[in-house]
Amino acid sequence: MTLLVNPDIWVALTLIGEADGEPYDGKVAVAEVIRNRARRHYNSDGTYIGTVLAPLQFSCWNAYSDRIPAAKADDVRPDVQECLRAWQDALAGSNKALGAVLYFNPQEAAPAWVAKATFLIEIGRHRFYGDP
């Protein structure tokens, strides 16, 4: 079977939507969450595309207006190239997020799951958590 779309591109687009403006380590950490969720089938069908597009899991895909910046991404832009590198680092086995499967930006809102999850590390504006 050949996929018509490249999963690496979907992950990079998600990183643009979720971690644009974050330090490189923050982008890698978000990429690791995507990788970890897919591998563990944590709110995921086990594919990278299915993981990033799972309902209400990655906020950049939740609202139409949030999708626009990612949809306009051009692979020659430096920030897109950085997101692709961050994804490759995650696939190579990086562990900046310490095995996290959850994260959020506390400046935006605290999700309900945070009370039950195990805090692991803070990188940039995101806090990363283990499975509740």
Protein backbone atom coordinates (compact mmCIF):
# COMPACT_ATOMS: atom_id res chain seq x y z
CA MET A 1 0.00 0.00 0.00
CA THR A 2 1.26 3.48 -0.87
CA LEU A 3 0.01 6.48 1.03
CA LEU A 4 -1.04 9.37 -1.15
CA VAL A 5 0.12 11.81 1.51
CA ASN A 6 3.36 11.93 3.43
CA PRO A 7 2.93 11.47 7.20
CA ASP A 8 6.08 13.55 7.80
CA ILE A 9 4.36 16.53 6.21
CA TRP A 10 1.26 16.14 8.42
CA VAL A 11 3.45 16.02 11.52
CA ALA A 12 5.45 19.06 10.39
CA LEU A 13 2.19 20.96 9.76
CA THR A 14 1.03 19.99 13.23
CA LEU A 15 4.30 21.21 14.72
CA ILE A 16 3.83 24.55 12.94
CA GLY A 17 0.34 24.83 14.44
CA GLU A 18 1.27 23.62 17.90
CA ALA A 19 4.87 24.75 18.46
CA ASP A 20 5.60 27.67 16.14
CA GLY A 21 7.63 30.19 18.10
CA GLU A 22 8.85 27.55 20.54
CA PRO A 23 12.56 26.77 20.95
CA TYR A 24 13.88 23.88 18.89
CA ASP A 25 13.79 21.54 21.92
CA GLY A 26 10.12 22.44 22.35
CA LYS A 27 9.36 21.46 18.76
CA VAL A 28 11.21 18.17 19.24
CA ALA A 29 9.29 17.52 22.47
CA VAL A 30 5.92 18.06 20.75
CA ALA A 31 7.10 15.77 17.93
CA GLU A 32 7.97 13.15 20.54
CA VAL A 33 4.44 13.34 21.97
CA ILE A 34 3.09 12.59 18.48
CA ARG A 35 5.55 9.70 18.08
CA ASN A 36 4.79 8.35 21.57
CA ARG A 37 1.03 8.52 21.06
CA ALA A 38 1.21 6.68 17.74
CA ARG A 39 3.47 3.95 19.11
CA ARG A 40 1.33 3.45 22.22
CA HIS A 41 -2.01 3.88 20.41
CA TYR A 42 -2.73 6.62 22.95
CA ASN A 43 -5.76 8.47 21.54
CA SER A 44 -4.41 7.26 18.23
CA ASP A 45 -5.03 4.66 15.55
CA GLY A 46 -1.30 3.96 15.52
CA THR A 47 -0.51 6.06 12.44
CA TYR A 48 1.10 9.47 12.53
CA ILE A 49 -1.60 11.08 10.39
CA GLY A 50 -4.35 9.46 12.46
CA THR A 51 -2.61 10.63 15.61
CA VAL A 52 -2.38 14.30 14.66
CA LEU A 53 -5.90 14.37 13.22
CA ALA A 54 -7.61 12.53 16.08
CA PRO A 55 -10.58 14.62 17.24
CA LEU A 56 -9.76 17.24 19.85
CA GLN A 57 -6.19 16.06 20.41
CA PHE A 58 -4.09 18.74 18.71
CA SER A 59 -5.75 22.13 18.92
CA CYS A 60 -4.32 23.44 15.66
CA TRP A 61 -6.71 21.10 13.81
CA ASN A 62 -9.78 21.83 15.94
CA ALA A 63 -10.96 25.14 14.49
CA TYR A 64 -11.01 26.15 10.86
CA SER A 65 -9.13 29.41 11.50
CA ASP A 66 -6.35 27.51 13.30
CA ARG A 67 -5.76 25.32 10.24
CA ILE A 68 -4.97 28.19 7.89
CA PRO A 69 -1.33 28.87 8.93
CA ALA A 70 -0.42 25.20 8.53
CA ALA A 71 -2.23 24.93 5.21
CA LYS A 72 -0.19 27.85 3.87
CA ALA A 73 3.14 26.34 4.93
CA ASP A 74 5.81 26.15 2.26
CA ASP A 75 8.59 23.59 2.66
CA VAL A 76 11.28 26.15 1.81
CA ARG A 77 10.41 28.28 4.83
CA PRO A 78 13.04 27.98 7.59
CA ASP A 79 10.40 27.30 10.27
CA VAL A 80 8.95 24.44 8.22
CA GLN A 81 12.42 23.00 7.69
CA GLU A 82 13.03 23.24 11.44
CA CYS A 83 9.78 21.35 12.13
CA LEU A 84 10.79 18.62 9.69
CA ARG A 85 14.19 18.34 11.42
CA ALA A 86 12.50 18.19 14.83
CA TRP A 87 10.31 15.32 13.58
CA GLN A 88 13.35 13.46 12.25
CA ASP A 89 15.07 13.90 15.63
CA ALA A 90 12.01 12.46 17.36
CA LEU A 91 11.92 9.49 14.98
CA ALA A 92 15.63 8.93 15.65
CA GLY A 93 14.83 8.42 19.34
CA SER A 94 15.23 11.78 21.09
CA ASN A 95 13.71 11.98 24.58
CA LYS A 96 13.46 15.65 25.50
CA ALA A 97 9.85 15.21 26.69
CA LEU A 98 10.84 12.26 28.91
CA GLY A 99 8.25 9.92 27.38
CA ALA A 100 5.34 12.36 27.54
CA VAL A 101 2.05 11.67 25.78
CA LEU A 102 0.36 14.91 26.86
CA TYR A 103 1.24 18.60 26.92
CA PHE A 104 -0.41 21.98 27.14
CA ASN A 105 0.35 25.66 27.32
CA PRO A 106 -0.64 26.91 30.80
CA GLN A 107 -1.11 30.44 29.42
CA GLU A 108 -4.02 29.15 27.31
CA ALA A 109 -6.06 26.85 29.57
CA ALA A 110 -5.59 23.90 31.89
CA PRO A 111 -7.24 20.73 30.56
CA ALA A 112 -9.18 18.47 32.92
CA TRP A 113 -6.64 15.64 32.61
CA VAL A 114 -3.86 17.73 34.20
CA ALA A 115 -5.04 16.95 37.74
CA LYS A 116 -4.44 13.22 37.18
CA ALA A 117 -1.36 13.31 34.95
CA THR A 118 2.27 13.14 36.02
CA PHE A 119 4.25 16.30 35.31
CA LEU A 120 7.54 15.52 33.55
CA ILE A 121 9.16 18.69 32.22
CA GLU A 122 8.52 22.23 31.01
CA ILE A 123 10.06 23.35 27.72
CA GLY A 124 9.32 26.78 26.34
CA ARG A 125 5.64 27.55 26.88
CA HIS A 126 4.57 23.90 27.15
CA ARG A 127 4.33 21.55 30.10
CA PHE A 128 4.70 17.86 29.31
CA TYR A 129 2.98 15.03 31.17
CA GLY A 130 2.90 11.27 31.39
CA ASP A 131 -0.24 9.20 31.12
CA PRO A 132 -2.71 9.86 33.95
